[in-house]
Amino acid sequence: YKTPEKYLRDMIESVQQQTYTNWELCLSDGSGNDSPIQSILQEYQKSDGRIKVAYSGKKCQISDNTNEALELVTGDFIGFADHDDILACNALYECVRVLNQYPETLIIYTDEDKVSMDGRKHFQPHFKPDYNKDLLNSTNYFCHFFLVSREVLGKVGCLNSEFDGAQDYDFVLRCCEVTEEIYHIPMILYHWRAHMN
């Protein structure tokens, strides 16, 4: 939603720079009819056939906007990233490596850190524990980077707008109700843009 151009380009290009190249990037522009980012999205869409964009033409809240993008998905696994964050260049490779080694895996989450607004300083690394149901019931420590199989998504449904603000936590809890085939990659593969203060 009306993402600043630099942050949007950084996010898209962090996907394009993945060492694993068999991906699709599904985006939804929920900025409304006067979208300031439509031309940027069209530019990437035209230059890279792996990039798909849903243009709803209306202003969308986070769950509805994410669900618009989910309608475009054709892959076996869905990874969630926010519009101003950055993936490490080996994020998808590491996830696919786990799926090849442990094909029964249905959910993957990784460690993460924060990155300054200019993208130069990394801080507050979050080194997460392996799957712990009790801990997850008290805090969404999965957060980013989170991947889920289409099989699980089909069972639990999309994001619920009644929980906007904690929609990802609700979604993670619903996913963990249908499977415990969950793998934690103990590597920082996601950089969450945040002001250092």
N, C-alpha and C. Protein backbone atom coordinates (compact mmCIF):
# COMPACT_ATOMS: atom_id res chain seq x y z
N TYR A 1 0.84 -1.18 0.00
CA TYR A 1 0.00 0.00 0.00
C TYR A 1 0.88 1.24 0.00
N LYS A 2 0.92 1.90 -1.17
CA LYS A 2 1.68 3.16 -1.31
C LYS A 2 3.10 3.06 -0.74
N THR A 3 3.77 1.97 -1.05
CA THR A 3 5.13 1.74 -0.56
C THR A 3 6.08 2.78 -1.13
N PRO A 4 6.96 3.36 -0.31
CA PRO A 4 7.98 4.25 -0.87
C PRO A 4 8.79 3.50 -1.94
N GLU A 5 9.09 4.18 -3.03
CA GLU A 5 9.71 3.53 -4.19
C GLU A 5 10.99 2.79 -3.84
N LYS A 6 11.87 3.39 -3.06
CA LYS A 6 13.14 2.74 -2.74
C LYS A 6 12.90 1.41 -2.03
N TYR A 7 11.99 1.39 -1.07
CA TYR A 7 11.73 0.18 -0.31
C TYR A 7 11.11 -0.90 -1.19
N LEU A 8 10.20 -0.49 -2.05
CA LEU A 8 9.55 -1.45 -2.95
C LEU A 8 10.58 -2.06 -3.90
N ARG A 9 11.41 -1.23 -4.48
CA ARG A 9 12.45 -1.74 -5.39
C ARG A 9 13.42 -2.66 -4.65
N ASP A 10 13.82 -2.29 -3.43
CA ASP A 10 14.72 -3.14 -2.65
C ASP A 10 14.11 -4.51 -2.41
N MET A 11 12.83 -4.54 -2.06
CA MET A 11 12.17 -5.82 -1.79
C MET A 11 12.10 -6.67 -3.06
N ILE A 12 11.63 -6.09 -4.16
CA ILE A 12 11.50 -6.85 -5.40
C ILE A 12 12.87 -7.34 -5.86
N GLU A 13 13.87 -6.49 -5.81
CA GLU A 13 15.20 -6.88 -6.28
C GLU A 13 15.86 -7.90 -5.36
N SER A 14 15.48 -7.93 -4.08
CA SER A 14 16.01 -8.97 -3.20
C SER A 14 15.46 -10.34 -3.60
N VAL A 15 14.29 -10.38 -4.19
CA VAL A 15 13.74 -11.64 -4.71
C VAL A 15 14.42 -11.97 -6.04
N GLN A 16 14.59 -10.98 -6.89
CA GLN A 16 15.24 -11.22 -8.18
C GLN A 16 16.68 -11.68 -8.02
N GLN A 17 17.33 -11.31 -6.92
CA GLN A 17 18.73 -11.67 -6.69
C GLN A 17 18.90 -13.00 -5.96
N GLN A 18 17.82 -13.76 -5.81
CA GLN A 18 17.92 -15.05 -5.14
C GLN A 18 18.83 -16.00 -5.92
N THR A 19 19.62 -16.78 -5.20
CA THR A 19 20.47 -17.77 -5.86
C THR A 19 19.64 -18.93 -6.40
N TYR A 20 18.47 -19.17 -5.82
CA TYR A 20 17.51 -20.14 -6.34
C TYR A 20 16.55 -19.36 -7.22
N THR A 21 16.39 -19.77 -8.47
CA THR A 21 15.69 -18.92 -9.44
C THR A 21 14.28 -19.39 -9.84
N ASN A 22 13.86 -20.55 -9.35
CA ASN A 22 12.54 -21.07 -9.73
C ASN A 22 11.47 -20.56 -8.75
N TRP A 23 11.14 -19.28 -8.87
CA TRP A 23 10.17 -18.65 -7.99
C TRP A 23 9.20 -17.81 -8.80
N GLU A 24 8.10 -17.44 -8.17
CA GLU A 24 7.21 -16.42 -8.72
C GLU A 24 6.95 -15.42 -7.59
N LEU A 25 6.90 -14.17 -7.93
CA LEU A 25 6.64 -13.11 -6.95
C LEU A 25 5.24 -12.59 -7.21
N CYS A 26 4.34 -12.83 -6.29
CA CYS A 26 2.94 -12.43 -6.43
C CYS A 26 2.69 -11.22 -5.53
N LEU A 27 2.37 -10.12 -6.14
CA LEU A 27 2.17 -8.86 -5.43
C LEU A 27 0.74 -8.39 -5.62
N SER A 28 0.26 -7.61 -4.67
CA SER A 28 -1.04 -6.97 -4.81
C SER A 28 -0.89 -5.50 -4.50
N ASP A 29 -1.37 -4.67 -5.42
CA ASP A 29 -1.34 -3.22 -5.20
C ASP A 29 -2.70 -2.80 -4.65
N GLY A 30 -2.75 -2.66 -3.35
CA GLY A 30 -3.98 -2.23 -2.69
C GLY A 30 -3.99 -0.74 -2.40
N SER A 31 -3.29 0.03 -3.24
CA SER A 31 -3.17 1.48 -3.01
C SER A 31 -4.37 2.27 -3.51
N GLY A 32 -5.26 1.64 -4.28
CA GLY A 32 -6.42 2.34 -4.81
C GLY A 32 -6.20 2.83 -6.22
N ASN A 33 -7.20 3.51 -6.76
CA ASN A 33 -7.16 3.98 -8.15
C ASN A 33 -6.03 4.96 -8.43
N ASP A 34 -5.62 5.72 -7.43
CA ASP A 34 -4.56 6.72 -7.61
C ASP A 34 -3.21 6.17 -7.17
N SER A 35 -2.98 4.89 -7.39
CA SER A 35 -1.77 4.22 -6.89
C SER A 35 -0.49 4.89 -7.39
N PRO A 36 0.38 5.30 -6.46
CA PRO A 36 1.65 5.89 -6.85
C PRO A 36 2.70 4.84 -7.24
N ILE A 37 2.37 3.56 -7.07
CA ILE A 37 3.36 2.51 -7.35
C ILE A 37 2.98 1.66 -8.56
N GLN A 38 1.86 1.94 -9.18
CA GLN A 38 1.40 1.11 -10.30
C GLN A 38 2.42 1.05 -11.43
N SER A 39 2.99 2.18 -11.80
CA SER A 39 3.95 2.19 -12.91
C SER A 39 5.23 1.42 -12.56
N ILE A 40 5.64 1.47 -11.29
CA ILE A 40 6.83 0.72 -10.85
C ILE A 40 6.55 -0.77 -10.96
N LEU A 41 5.39 -1.20 -10.49
CA LEU A 41 5.02 -2.61 -10.55
C LEU A 41 4.92 -3.09 -11.99
N GLN A 42 4.34 -2.26 -12.86
CA GLN A 42 4.21 -2.63 -14.28
C GLN A 42 5.58 -2.77 -14.93
N GLU A 43 6.51 -1.90 -14.53
CA GLU A 43 7.88 -1.97 -15.05
C GLU A 43 8.51 -3.33 -14.75
N TYR A 44 8.41 -3.77 -13.49
CA TYR A 44 8.98 -5.07 -13.11
C TYR A 44 8.22 -6.22 -13.76
N GLN A 45 6.92 -6.08 -13.84
CA GLN A 45 6.08 -7.13 -14.43
C GLN A 45 6.46 -7.35 -15.89
N LYS A 46 6.73 -6.27 -16.61
CA LYS A 46 7.09 -6.37 -18.04
C LYS A 46 8.49 -6.94 -18.23
N SER A 47 9.39 -6.65 -17.29
CA SER A 47 10.78 -7.06 -17.47
C SER A 47 11.08 -8.46 -16.91
N ASP A 48 10.18 -9.00 -16.09
CA ASP A 48 10.43 -10.31 -15.47
C ASP A 48 9.11 -11.08 -15.42
N GLY A 49 8.99 -12.11 -16.23
CA GLY A 49 7.76 -12.90 -16.32
C GLY A 49 7.41 -13.65 -15.05
N ARG A 50 8.33 -13.72 -14.10
CA ARG A 50 8.05 -14.40 -12.83
C ARG A 50 7.29 -13.50 -11.86
N ILE A 51 7.14 -12.23 -12.22
CA ILE A 51 6.47 -11.27 -11.33
C ILE A 51 5.03 -11.09 -11.79
N LYS A 52 4.10 -11.31 -10.86
CA LYS A 52 2.67 -11.17 -11.13
C LYS A 52 2.11 -10.12 -10.18
N VAL A 53 1.18 -9.32 -10.69
CA VAL A 53 0.61 -8.27 -9.85
C VAL A 53 -0.90 -8.26 -9.99
N ALA A 54 -1.58 -8.18 -8.86
CA ALA A 54 -3.03 -7.99 -8.83
C ALA A 54 -3.29 -6.51 -8.58
N TYR A 55 -4.11 -5.92 -9.43
CA TYR A 55 -4.49 -4.51 -9.26
C TYR A 55 -5.98 -4.48 -8.94
N SER A 56 -6.29 -4.29 -7.67
CA SER A 56 -7.71 -4.34 -7.27
C SER A 56 -8.43 -3.03 -7.59
N GLY A 57 -7.69 -1.94 -7.71
CA GLY A 57 -8.32 -0.66 -7.98
C GLY A 57 -8.99 -0.06 -6.77
N LYS A 58 -8.84 -0.70 -5.62
CA LYS A 58 -9.43 -0.16 -4.39
C LYS A 58 -8.39 -0.21 -3.28
N LYS A 59 -8.61 0.60 -2.27
CA LYS A 59 -7.72 0.61 -1.13
C LYS A 59 -8.01 -0.62 -0.27
N CYS A 60 -6.96 -1.41 -0.01
CA CYS A 60 -7.12 -2.66 0.73
C CYS A 60 -6.34 -2.62 2.04
N GLN A 61 -6.92 -3.21 3.06
CA GLN A 61 -6.20 -3.44 4.30
C GLN A 61 -5.28 -4.65 4.11
N ILE A 62 -4.45 -4.94 5.09
CA ILE A 62 -3.37 -5.91 4.91
C ILE A 62 -3.85 -7.32 4.56
N SER A 63 -4.86 -7.83 5.24
CA SER A 63 -5.31 -9.20 4.95
C SER A 63 -5.91 -9.29 3.56
N ASP A 64 -6.80 -8.35 3.22
CA ASP A 64 -7.43 -8.39 1.90
C ASP A 64 -6.40 -8.22 0.80
N ASN A 65 -5.41 -7.37 1.02
CA ASN A 65 -4.37 -7.15 0.03
C ASN A 65 -3.53 -8.42 -0.16
N THR A 66 -3.15 -9.06 0.94
CA THR A 66 -2.38 -10.30 0.86
C THR A 66 -3.19 -11.39 0.17
N ASN A 67 -4.48 -11.48 0.49
CA ASN A 67 -5.33 -12.49 -0.12
C ASN A 67 -5.46 -12.29 -1.63
N GLU A 68 -5.43 -11.04 -2.08
CA GLU A 68 -5.45 -10.76 -3.53
C GLU A 68 -4.21 -11.38 -4.18
N ALA A 69 -3.05 -11.23 -3.53
CA ALA A 69 -1.82 -11.81 -4.07
C ALA A 69 -1.86 -13.33 -4.03
N LEU A 70 -2.45 -13.90 -2.99
CA LEU A 70 -2.54 -15.36 -2.88
C LEU A 70 -3.35 -15.97 -4.03
N GLU A 71 -4.27 -15.21 -4.59
CA GLU A 71 -5.07 -15.69 -5.73
C GLU A 71 -4.18 -15.95 -6.95
N LEU A 72 -3.03 -15.33 -7.01
CA LEU A 72 -2.13 -15.46 -8.16
C LEU A 72 -1.17 -16.65 -8.05
N VAL A 73 -1.06 -17.23 -6.86
CA VAL A 73 -0.04 -18.24 -6.58
C VAL A 73 -0.29 -19.53 -7.35
N THR A 74 0.79 -20.05 -7.98
CA THR A 74 0.72 -21.36 -8.64
C THR A 74 1.74 -22.34 -8.07
N GLY A 75 2.65 -21.87 -7.23
CA GLY A 75 3.70 -22.71 -6.69
C GLY A 75 3.23 -23.64 -5.59
N ASP A 76 4.11 -24.56 -5.20
CA ASP A 76 3.80 -25.54 -4.16
C ASP A 76 3.92 -24.96 -2.76
N PHE A 77 4.76 -23.94 -2.60
CA PHE A 77 4.97 -23.30 -1.30
C PHE A 77 4.84 -21.80 -1.45
N ILE A 78 4.33 -21.17 -0.40
CA ILE A 78 4.15 -19.72 -0.39
C ILE A 78 4.99 -19.15 0.74
N GLY A 79 5.83 -18.19 0.41
CA GLY A 79 6.62 -17.47 1.40
C GLY A 79 6.07 -16.06 1.52
N PHE A 80 5.91 -15.57 2.72
CA PHE A 80 5.31 -14.25 2.95
C PHE A 80 6.40 -13.22 3.25
N ALA A 81 6.34 -12.10 2.55
CA ALA A 81 7.27 -11.00 2.78
C ALA A 81 6.51 -9.69 2.73
N ASP A 82 6.89 -8.76 3.57
CA ASP A 82 6.25 -7.45 3.56
C ASP A 82 6.87 -6.57 2.48
N HIS A 83 6.12 -5.55 2.11
CA HIS A 83 6.46 -4.73 0.94
C HIS A 83 7.71 -3.88 1.08
N ASP A 84 8.24 -3.75 2.28
CA ASP A 84 9.42 -2.91 2.47
C ASP A 84 10.58 -3.66 3.13
N ASP A 85 10.48 -4.98 3.19
CA ASP A 85 11.53 -5.79 3.79
C ASP A 85 12.43 -6.40 2.72
N ILE A 86 13.44 -7.15 3.15
CA ILE A 86 14.45 -7.67 2.22
C ILE A 86 14.74 -9.13 2.56
N LEU A 87 14.82 -9.96 1.52
CA LEU A 87 15.24 -11.34 1.71
C LEU A 87 16.75 -11.45 1.52
N ALA A 88 17.39 -12.28 2.34
CA ALA A 88 18.80 -12.60 2.08
C ALA A 88 18.87 -13.33 0.74
N CYS A 89 19.98 -13.20 0.02
CA CYS A 89 20.07 -13.75 -1.34
C CYS A 89 19.96 -15.26 -1.38
N ASN A 90 20.19 -15.94 -0.26
CA ASN A 90 20.10 -17.40 -0.22
C ASN A 90 18.85 -17.90 0.50
N ALA A 91 17.88 -17.03 0.74
CA ALA A 91 16.69 -17.42 1.51
C ALA A 91 15.92 -18.55 0.84
N LEU A 92 15.61 -18.41 -0.43
CA LEU A 92 14.83 -19.45 -1.11
C LEU A 92 15.66 -20.72 -1.29
N TYR A 93 16.93 -20.58 -1.58
CA TYR A 93 17.80 -21.76 -1.71
C TYR A 93 17.78 -22.59 -0.43
N GLU A 94 17.94 -21.94 0.71
CA GLU A 94 17.97 -22.67 1.98
C GLU A 94 16.64 -23.36 2.25
N CYS A 95 15.54 -22.73 1.90
CA CYS A 95 14.23 -23.34 2.09
C CYS A 95 14.06 -24.56 1.18
N VAL A 96 14.46 -24.43 -0.08
CA VAL A 96 14.33 -25.54 -1.02
C VAL A 96 15.27 -26.69 -0.61
N ARG A 97 16.43 -26.36 -0.09
CA ARG A 97 17.36 -27.39 0.38
C ARG A 97 16.70 -28.23 1.47
N VAL A 98 16.00 -27.58 2.40
CA VAL A 98 15.28 -28.30 3.45
C VAL A 98 14.18 -29.17 2.85
N LEU A 99 13.45 -28.64 1.90
CA LEU A 99 12.35 -29.40 1.28
C LEU A 99 12.87 -30.62 0.53
N ASN A 100 14.05 -30.49 -0.08
CA ASN A 100 14.65 -31.64 -0.76
C ASN A 100 15.13 -32.68 0.25
N GLN A 101 15.66 -32.22 1.36
CA GLN A 101 16.20 -33.13 2.37
C GLN A 101 15.09 -33.76 3.22
N TYR A 102 14.04 -32.98 3.50
CA TYR A 102 12.92 -33.45 4.33
C TYR A 102 11.61 -33.17 3.60
N PRO A 103 11.27 -33.98 2.61
CA PRO A 103 10.12 -33.69 1.74
C PRO A 103 8.77 -33.71 2.46
N GLU A 104 8.72 -34.23 3.67
CA GLU A 104 7.47 -34.22 4.42
C GLU A 104 7.17 -32.86 5.04
N THR A 105 8.15 -31.94 5.00
CA THR A 105 8.00 -30.62 5.61
C THR A 105 6.88 -29.83 4.95
N LEU A 106 6.02 -29.21 5.76
CA LEU A 106 4.90 -28.42 5.24
C LEU A 106 4.98 -26.95 5.65
N ILE A 107 5.78 -26.66 6.66
CA ILE A 107 5.97 -25.28 7.13
C ILE A 107 7.45 -25.08 7.42
N ILE A 108 7.97 -23.92 7.01
CA ILE A 108 9.35 -23.55 7.32
C ILE A 108 9.34 -22.12 7.87
N TYR A 109 10.16 -21.90 8.89
CA TYR A 109 10.39 -20.52 9.33
C TYR A 109 11.89 -20.36 9.59
N THR A 110 12.35 -19.12 9.50
CA THR A 110 13.77 -18.84 9.61
C THR A 110 14.02 -17.78 10.68
N ASP A 111 15.27 -17.58 10.99
CA ASP A 111 15.65 -16.47 11.86
C ASP A 111 15.58 -15.17 11.05
N GLU A 112 15.64 -14.05 11.74
CA GLU A 112 15.50 -12.75 11.09
C GLU A 112 16.28 -11.70 11.87
N ASP A 113 16.42 -10.54 11.26
CA ASP A 113 16.94 -9.39 11.98
C ASP A 113 16.22 -8.15 11.49
N LYS A 114 16.60 -7.02 12.04
CA LYS A 114 16.08 -5.74 11.58
C LYS A 114 17.15 -5.09 10.71
N VAL A 115 16.71 -4.25 9.79
CA VAL A 115 17.64 -3.50 8.96
C VAL A 115 17.21 -2.04 9.00
N SER A 116 18.19 -1.14 9.03
CA SER A 116 17.90 0.29 9.13
C SER A 116 17.18 0.78 7.89
N MET A 117 16.59 1.95 7.99
CA MET A 117 15.78 2.48 6.90
C MET A 117 16.57 2.62 5.61
N ASP A 118 17.89 2.89 5.72
CA ASP A 118 18.71 2.99 4.51
C ASP A 118 19.24 1.63 4.05
N GLY A 119 18.92 0.57 4.80
CA GLY A 119 19.31 -0.78 4.40
C GLY A 119 20.76 -1.13 4.67
N ARG A 120 21.47 -0.30 5.43
CA ARG A 120 22.90 -0.51 5.63
C ARG A 120 23.27 -1.16 6.96
N LYS A 121 22.48 -0.95 8.00
CA LYS A 121 22.83 -1.47 9.32
C LYS A 121 21.84 -2.55 9.73
N HIS A 122 22.39 -3.66 10.17
CA HIS A 122 21.56 -4.76 10.67
C HIS A 122 21.64 -4.77 12.20
N PHE A 123 20.51 -4.98 12.84
CA PHE A 123 20.48 -4.96 14.30
C PHE A 123 19.35 -5.86 14.80
N GLN A 124 19.29 -6.07 16.10
CA GLN A 124 18.30 -6.91 16.77
C GLN A 124 18.11 -8.27 16.08
N PRO A 125 19.16 -9.07 15.98
CA PRO A 125 18.98 -10.41 15.41
C PRO A 125 18.03 -11.21 16.29
N HIS A 126 17.16 -11.97 15.65
CA HIS A 126 16.21 -12.82 16.37
C HIS A 126 16.55 -14.27 16.05
N PHE A 127 17.27 -14.90 16.97
CA PHE A 127 17.63 -16.30 16.83
C PHE A 127 16.55 -17.12 17.53
N LYS A 128 15.77 -17.84 16.76
CA LYS A 128 14.56 -18.46 17.26
C LYS A 128 14.79 -19.91 17.69
N PRO A 129 13.94 -20.39 18.58
CA PRO A 129 14.03 -21.81 18.93
C PRO A 129 13.37 -22.66 17.84
N ASP A 130 13.65 -23.96 17.89
CA ASP A 130 12.90 -24.87 17.03
C ASP A 130 11.44 -24.86 17.48
N TYR A 131 10.60 -25.53 16.69
CA TYR A 131 9.16 -25.48 16.94
C TYR A 131 8.82 -25.84 18.39
N ASN A 132 8.11 -24.94 19.03
CA ASN A 132 7.67 -25.10 20.41
C ASN A 132 6.23 -24.62 20.48
N LYS A 133 5.31 -25.57 20.54
CA LYS A 133 3.88 -25.26 20.49
C LYS A 133 3.46 -24.33 21.63
N ASP A 134 3.96 -24.57 22.83
CA ASP A 134 3.58 -23.74 23.97
C ASP A 134 4.05 -22.30 23.80
N LEU A 135 5.28 -22.14 23.34
CA LEU A 135 5.80 -20.79 23.12
C LEU A 135 5.01 -20.09 22.02
N LEU A 136 4.71 -20.81 20.95
CA LEU A 136 3.96 -20.21 19.84
C LEU A 136 2.56 -19.78 20.28
N ASN A 137 1.99 -20.47 21.24
CA ASN A 137 0.66 -20.10 21.74
C ASN A 137 0.69 -18.81 22.56
N SER A 138 1.89 -18.34 22.91
CA SER A 138 1.97 -17.10 23.69
C SER A 138 2.59 -15.94 22.93
N THR A 139 3.30 -16.25 21.83
CA THR A 139 3.90 -15.19 21.02
C THR A 139 4.20 -15.70 19.61
N ASN A 140 4.04 -14.83 18.63
CA ASN A 140 4.32 -15.23 17.25
C ASN A 140 5.82 -15.09 16.98
N TYR A 141 6.57 -16.07 17.43
CA TYR A 141 8.01 -16.00 17.21
C TYR A 141 8.39 -16.48 15.81
N PHE A 142 7.46 -17.11 15.07
CA PHE A 142 7.75 -17.51 13.68
C PHE A 142 7.99 -16.27 12.82
N CYS A 143 7.02 -15.40 12.81
CA CYS A 143 7.00 -14.13 12.07
C CYS A 143 7.61 -14.25 10.67
N HIS A 144 8.86 -13.83 10.47
CA HIS A 144 9.48 -13.86 9.15
C HIS A 144 10.77 -14.68 9.19
N PHE A 145 11.11 -15.29 8.23
CA PHE A 145 10.52 -15.63 6.95
C PHE A 145 9.66 -16.87 7.18
N PHE A 146 8.47 -16.90 6.67
CA PHE A 146 7.53 -17.99 6.90
C PHE A 146 7.08 -18.55 5.56
N LEU A 147 7.22 -19.87 5.41
CA LEU A 147 6.74 -20.56 4.21
C LEU A 147 5.73 -21.62 4.61
N VAL A 148 4.72 -21.79 3.78
CA VAL A 148 3.70 -22.79 4.04
C VAL A 148 3.32 -23.45 2.72
N SER A 149 3.00 -24.74 2.79
CA SER A 149 2.63 -25.46 1.57
C SER A 149 1.22 -25.06 1.14
N ARG A 150 0.96 -25.17 -0.15
CA ARG A 150 -0.39 -24.90 -0.66
C ARG A 150 -1.38 -25.89 -0.06
N GLU A 151 -0.91 -27.09 0.26
CA GLU A 151 -1.76 -28.10 0.90
C GLU A 151 -2.32 -27.57 2.22
N VAL A 152 -1.45 -27.00 3.05
CA VAL A 152 -1.88 -26.43 4.33
C VAL A 152 -2.77 -25.22 4.09
N LEU A 153 -2.37 -24.35 3.18
CA LEU A 153 -3.18 -23.17 2.87
C LEU A 153 -4.60 -23.58 2.46
N GLY A 154 -4.71 -24.65 1.67
CA GLY A 154 -6.02 -25.13 1.24
C GLY A 154 -6.87 -25.59 2.41
N LYS A 155 -6.25 -26.09 3.47
CA LYS A 155 -6.99 -26.56 4.64
C LYS A 155 -7.42 -25.42 5.55
N VAL A 156 -6.56 -24.40 5.70
CA VAL A 156 -6.84 -23.35 6.69
C VAL A 156 -7.46 -22.09 6.09
N GLY A 157 -7.35 -21.92 4.79
CA GLY A 157 -7.89 -20.72 4.15
C GLY A 157 -6.93 -19.56 4.24
N CYS A 158 -7.35 -18.45 3.70
CA CYS A 158 -6.50 -17.25 3.60
C CYS A 158 -6.45 -16.48 4.91
N LEU A 159 -5.87 -15.29 4.86
CA LEU A 159 -5.78 -14.44 6.03
C LEU A 159 -7.17 -13.89 6.38
N ASN A 160 -7.40 -13.70 7.67
CA ASN A 160 -8.69 -13.26 8.17
C ASN A 160 -8.59 -11.79 8.56
N SER A 161 -9.35 -10.94 7.86
CA SER A 161 -9.26 -9.49 8.09
C SER A 161 -9.77 -9.07 9.46
N GLU A 162 -10.51 -9.94 10.14
CA GLU A 162 -10.95 -9.62 11.50
C GLU A 162 -9.76 -9.48 12.44
N PHE A 163 -8.62 -10.05 12.05
CA PHE A 163 -7.44 -10.02 12.90
C PHE A 163 -6.35 -9.09 12.35
N ASP A 164 -6.69 -8.15 11.47
CA ASP A 164 -5.70 -7.23 10.93
C ASP A 164 -4.88 -6.60 12.06
N GLY A 165 -3.59 -6.62 11.89
CA GLY A 165 -2.67 -6.20 12.95
C GLY A 165 -2.01 -7.41 13.58
N ALA A 166 -2.75 -8.52 13.62
CA ALA A 166 -2.21 -9.79 14.10
C ALA A 166 -2.64 -10.90 13.14
N GLN A 167 -2.91 -10.54 11.89
CA GLN A 167 -3.40 -11.49 10.91
C GLN A 167 -2.40 -12.60 10.63
N ASP A 168 -1.12 -12.28 10.70
CA ASP A 168 -0.09 -13.31 10.47
C ASP A 168 -0.05 -14.30 11.63
N TYR A 169 -0.25 -13.82 12.83
CA TYR A 169 -0.25 -14.70 14.00
C TYR A 169 -1.45 -15.66 13.93
N ASP A 170 -2.61 -15.13 13.63
CA ASP A 170 -3.79 -15.98 13.47
C ASP A 170 -3.55 -17.04 12.40
N PHE A 171 -2.95 -16.63 11.29
CA PHE A 171 -2.71 -17.56 10.18
C PHE A 171 -1.72 -18.65 10.59
N VAL A 172 -0.64 -18.27 11.26
CA VAL A 172 0.36 -19.25 11.71
C VAL A 172 -0.27 -20.25 12.67
N LEU A 173 -1.08 -19.78 13.61
CA LEU A 173 -1.72 -20.68 14.57
C LEU A 173 -2.65 -21.66 13.86
N ARG A 174 -3.40 -21.18 12.88
CA ARG A 174 -4.29 -22.08 12.13
C ARG A 174 -3.48 -23.11 11.35
N CYS A 175 -2.37 -22.69 10.78
CA CYS A 175 -1.52 -23.63 10.04
C CYS A 175 -0.96 -24.72 10.95
N CYS A 176 -0.55 -24.33 12.15
CA CYS A 176 0.05 -25.29 13.08
C CYS A 176 -1.00 -26.21 13.70
N GLU A 177 -2.27 -25.89 13.53
CA GLU A 177 -3.33 -26.80 13.99
C GLU A 177 -3.48 -28.01 13.07
N VAL A 178 -3.03 -27.88 11.80
CA VAL A 178 -3.25 -28.98 10.85
C VAL A 178 -1.98 -29.77 10.55
N THR A 179 -0.82 -29.31 11.02
CA THR A 179 0.41 -30.08 10.81
C THR A 179 1.45 -29.73 11.86
N GLU A 180 2.29 -30.71 12.16
CA GLU A 180 3.47 -30.47 12.98
C GLU A 180 4.74 -30.78 12.18
N GLU A 181 4.58 -30.88 10.85
CA GLU A 181 5.74 -31.07 9.96
C GLU A 181 6.36 -29.70 9.70
N ILE A 182 7.01 -29.18 10.73
CA ILE A 182 7.49 -27.81 10.76
C ILE A 182 9.01 -27.83 10.93
N TYR A 183 9.70 -27.03 10.11
CA TYR A 183 11.16 -27.01 10.16
C TYR A 183 11.64 -25.59 10.39
N HIS A 184 12.54 -25.42 11.35
CA HIS A 184 13.16 -24.13 11.62
C HIS A 184 14.56 -24.11 11.00
N ILE A 185 14.82 -23.12 10.17
CA ILE A 185 16.17 -22.92 9.62
C ILE A 185 16.87 -21.88 10.50
N PRO A 186 17.90 -22.27 11.24
CA PRO A 186 18.56 -21.35 12.16
C PRO A 186 19.57 -20.44 11.45
N MET A 187 19.04 -19.68 10.51
CA MET A 187 19.86 -18.72 9.76
C MET A 187 19.04 -17.45 9.57
N ILE A 188 19.69 -16.30 9.64
CA ILE A 188 19.00 -15.04 9.39
C ILE A 188 18.84 -14.89 7.87
N LEU A 189 17.62 -15.08 7.40
CA LEU A 189 17.35 -15.04 5.96
C LEU A 189 16.35 -13.95 5.60
N TYR A 190 15.94 -13.17 6.58
CA TYR A 190 14.94 -12.13 6.36
C TYR A 190 15.36 -10.89 7.12
N HIS A 191 15.28 -9.75 6.45
CA HIS A 191 15.68 -8.47 7.04
C HIS A 191 14.44 -7.55 7.09
N TRP A 192 14.01 -7.27 8.28
CA TRP A 192 12.79 -6.51 8.55
C TRP A 192 13.17 -5.04 8.70
N ARG A 193 12.70 -4.21 7.79
CA ARG A 193 13.08 -2.79 7.82
C ARG A 193 12.42 -2.11 9.01
N ALA A 194 13.22 -1.41 9.79
CA ALA A 194 12.71 -0.74 10.99
C ALA A 194 13.61 0.45 11.30
N HIS A 195 13.01 1.45 11.92
CA HIS A 195 13.81 2.58 12.38
C HIS A 195 14.59 2.14 13.61
N MET A 196 15.84 2.52 13.71
CA MET A 196 16.69 2.04 14.79
C MET A 196 16.22 2.53 16.16
N ASN A 197 15.37 3.56 16.21
CA ASN A 197 14.83 4.04 17.48
C ASN A 197 13.48 3.42 17.79
